[in-house]
Amino acid sequence: MTLLRIIAIFVLIYLIFRVVTMYVMPWLLRRFIERQRKKFYGDNYSKRKNSRQKKKDHGDEVNVNIKHKRQISSDDIGEYVDYKEIKDKESNKKPKKSK
């Protein structure tokens, strides 16, 4: 008799767990996400969403002006030095074979 009672309790707990995970958890998660969205955007969420859609519908273009960093002039770089490459006599020799 107690074995059947224990099995019935486990089955009941399992079924309650299934119902909670299938129906209650998604509802709680949606509610949490909605609250966080409102907290982040404030009351302007629906307005921002609509304004983005309007821009896409009308094909508006967005121009972004980027401030360029100060360009380096040749005076700031330094002095240019012309050089000539000199080959060593040893570089013309064949490399020694290793054993």
C-alpha atoms as a PDB file:
ATOM      1  CA  MET A   1       0.000   0.000   0.000  1.00  0.00           C
ATOM      2  CA  THR A   2       2.773   2.474   0.855  1.00  0.00           C
ATOM      3  CA  LEU A   3       4.625   1.560  -2.352  1.00  0.00           C
ATOM      4  CA  LEU A   4       1.595   2.546  -4.438  1.00  0.00           C
ATOM      5  CA  ARG A   5       1.270   5.748  -2.442  1.00  0.00           C
ATOM      6  CA  ILE A   6       4.933   6.656  -3.100  1.00  0.00           C
ATOM      7  CA  ILE A   7       4.575   5.902  -6.829  1.00  0.00           C
ATOM      8  CA  ALA A   8       1.391   7.995  -6.994  1.00  0.00           C
ATOM      9  CA  ILE A   9       3.162  10.908  -5.282  1.00  0.00           C
ATOM     10  CA  PHE A  10       6.070  10.740  -7.755  1.00  0.00           C
ATOM     11  CA  VAL A  11       3.685  10.604 -10.725  1.00  0.00           C
ATOM     12  CA  LEU A  12       1.733  13.552  -9.337  1.00  0.00           C
ATOM     13  CA  ILE A  13       4.940  15.559  -8.798  1.00  0.00           C
ATOM     14  CA  TYR A  14       6.054  14.719 -12.336  1.00  0.00           C
ATOM     15  CA  LEU A  15       2.762  15.858 -13.830  1.00  0.00           C
ATOM     16  CA  ILE A  16       2.800  19.089 -11.831  1.00  0.00           C
ATOM     17  CA  PHE A  17       6.381  19.720 -12.959  1.00  0.00           C
ATOM     18  CA  ARG A  18       5.372  19.157 -16.616  1.00  0.00           C
ATOM     19  CA  VAL A  19       2.466  21.573 -16.373  1.00  0.00           C
ATOM     20  CA  VAL A  20       4.655  24.205 -14.716  1.00  0.00           C
ATOM     21  CA  THR A  21       7.400  23.909 -17.333  1.00  0.00           C
ATOM     22  CA  MET A  22       4.992  23.876 -20.279  1.00  0.00           C
ATOM     23  CA  TYR A  23       2.605  26.658 -19.310  1.00  0.00           C
ATOM     24  CA  VAL A  24       3.735  28.648 -16.295  1.00  0.00           C
ATOM     25  CA  MET A  25       7.429  29.106 -17.117  1.00  0.00           C
ATOM     26  CA  PRO A  26       6.878  30.516 -20.645  1.00  0.00           C
ATOM     27  CA  TRP A  27       4.247  32.888 -19.286  1.00  0.00           C
ATOM     28  CA  LEU A  28       6.626  34.066 -16.538  1.00  0.00           C
ATOM     29  CA  LEU A  29       9.461  34.434 -19.042  1.00  0.00           C
ATOM     30  CA  ARG A  30       7.330  36.510 -21.440  1.00  0.00           C
ATOM     31  CA  ARG A  31       6.202  38.699 -18.562  1.00  0.00           C
ATOM     32  CA  PHE A  32       9.810  39.191 -17.393  1.00  0.00           C
ATOM     33  CA  ILE A  33      11.007  40.067 -20.904  1.00  0.00           C
ATOM     34  CA  GLU A  34       8.171  42.533 -21.394  1.00  0.00           C
ATOM     35  CA  ARG A  35       8.983  44.271 -18.111  1.00  0.00           C
ATOM     36  CA  GLN A  36      12.668  44.499 -18.991  1.00  0.00           C
ATOM     37  CA  ARG A  37      11.810  45.881 -22.426  1.00  0.00           C
ATOM     38  CA  LYS A  38       9.607  48.557 -20.898  1.00  0.00           C
ATOM     39  CA  LYS A  39      12.292  49.356 -18.362  1.00  0.00           C
ATOM     40  CA  PHE A  40      14.907  49.731 -21.093  1.00  0.00           C
ATOM     41  CA  TYR A  41      12.887  51.691 -23.622  1.00  0.00           C
ATOM     42  CA  GLY A  42      10.461  53.358 -21.270  1.00  0.00           C
ATOM     43  CA  ASP A  43       7.172  54.324 -22.846  1.00  0.00           C
ATOM     44  CA  ASN A  44       8.802  54.945 -26.215  1.00  0.00           C
ATOM     45  CA  TYR A  45       9.117  51.291 -27.290  1.00  0.00           C
ATOM     46  CA  SER A  46       6.082  51.271 -29.560  1.00  0.00           C
ATOM     47  CA  LYS A  47       7.000  54.681 -30.978  1.00  0.00           C
ATOM     48  CA  ARG A  48      10.556  53.565 -31.755  1.00  0.00           C
ATOM     49  CA  LYS A  49       9.325  50.369 -33.336  1.00  0.00           C
ATOM     50  CA  ASN A  50       6.906  52.282 -35.583  1.00  0.00           C
ATOM     51  CA  SER A  51       9.490  54.910 -36.530  1.00  0.00           C
ATOM     52  CA  ARG A  52      11.935  52.229 -37.636  1.00  0.00           C
ATOM     53  CA  GLN A  53       9.302  50.636 -39.807  1.00  0.00           C
ATOM     54  CA  LYS A  54       8.408  53.988 -41.370  1.00  0.00           C
ATOM     55  CA  LYS A  55      12.019  54.636 -42.290  1.00  0.00           C
ATOM     56  CA  LYS A  56      12.280  51.271 -43.967  1.00  0.00           C
ATOM     57  CA  ASP A  57       9.008  51.769 -45.829  1.00  0.00           C
ATOM     58  CA  HIS A  58       9.947  55.180 -47.228  1.00  0.00           C
ATOM     59  CA  GLY A  59      13.503  54.241 -48.103  1.00  0.00           C
ATOM     60  CA  ASP A  60      15.069  57.050 -46.091  1.00  0.00           C
ATOM     61  CA  GLU A  61      18.817  57.215 -46.131  1.00  0.00           C
ATOM     62  CA  VAL A  62      20.948  57.893 -43.117  1.00  0.00           C
ATOM     63  CA  ASN A  63      24.028  60.029 -43.558  1.00  0.00           C
ATOM     64  CA  VAL A  64      26.659  59.743 -40.880  1.00  0.00           C
ATOM     65  CA  ASN A  65      29.289  62.421 -40.557  1.00  0.00           C
ATOM     66  CA  ILE A  66      32.455  61.005 -39.076  1.00  0.00           C
ATOM     67  CA  LYS A  67      35.041  63.327 -37.679  1.00  0.00           C
ATOM     68  CA  HIS A  68      38.378  62.287 -39.088  1.00  0.00           C
ATOM     69  CA  LYS A  69      41.435  62.181 -36.941  1.00  0.00           C
ATOM     70  CA  ARG A  70      44.055  64.826 -37.518  1.00  0.00           C
ATOM     71  CA  GLN A  71      45.964  63.913 -40.632  1.00  0.00           C
ATOM     72  CA  ILE A  72      49.692  63.602 -40.160  1.00  0.00           C
ATOM     73  CA  SER A  73      51.617  65.923 -42.412  1.00  0.00           C
ATOM     74  CA  SER A  74      54.986  65.005 -43.837  1.00  0.00           C
ATOM     75  CA  ASP A  75      56.608  67.595 -41.544  1.00  0.00           C
ATOM     76  CA  ASP A  76      55.501  65.659 -38.465  1.00  0.00           C
ATOM     77  CA  ILE A  77      56.824  62.301 -39.648  1.00  0.00           C
ATOM     78  CA  GLY A  78      60.512  63.053 -39.726  1.00  0.00           C
ATOM     79  CA  GLU A  79      63.360  63.250 -42.171  1.00  0.00           C
ATOM     80  CA  TYR A  80      63.541  60.926 -45.175  1.00  0.00           C
ATOM     81  CA  VAL A  81      66.877  59.172 -45.537  1.00  0.00           C
ATOM     82  CA  ASP A  82      67.848  57.611 -48.838  1.00  0.00           C
ATOM     83  CA  TYR A  83      69.866  54.464 -48.440  1.00  0.00           C
ATOM     84  CA  LYS A  84      71.718  52.011 -50.599  1.00  0.00           C
ATOM     85  CA  GLU A  85      71.667  48.280 -49.960  1.00  0.00           C
ATOM     86  CA  ILE A  86      75.080  46.701 -49.514  1.00  0.00           C
ATOM     87  CA  LYS A  87      75.493  42.982 -50.096  1.00  0.00           C
ATOM     88  CA  ASP A  88      77.923  41.019 -47.977  1.00  0.00           C
ATOM     89  CA  LYS A  89      80.476  38.822 -49.620  1.00  0.00           C
ATOM     90  CA  GLU A  90      79.408  35.952 -47.359  1.00  0.00           C
ATOM     91  CA  SER A  91      75.819  36.063 -48.607  1.00  0.00           C
ATOM     92  CA  ASN A  92      77.012  35.079 -52.107  1.00  0.00           C
ATOM     93  CA  LYS A  93      78.601  31.861 -50.830  1.00  0.00           C
ATOM     94  CA  LYS A  94      76.626  28.630 -50.948  1.00  0.00           C
ATOM     95  CA  PRO A  95      75.262  27.458 -47.583  1.00  0.00           C
ATOM     96  CA  LYS A  96      77.139  24.625 -45.918  1.00  0.00           C
ATOM     97  CA  LYS A  97      75.503  21.237 -45.970  1.00  0.00           C
ATOM     98  CA  SER A  98      74.677  19.771 -42.597  1.00  0.00           C
ATOM     99  CA  LYS A  99      75.363  16.119 -41.920  1.00  0.00           C
END
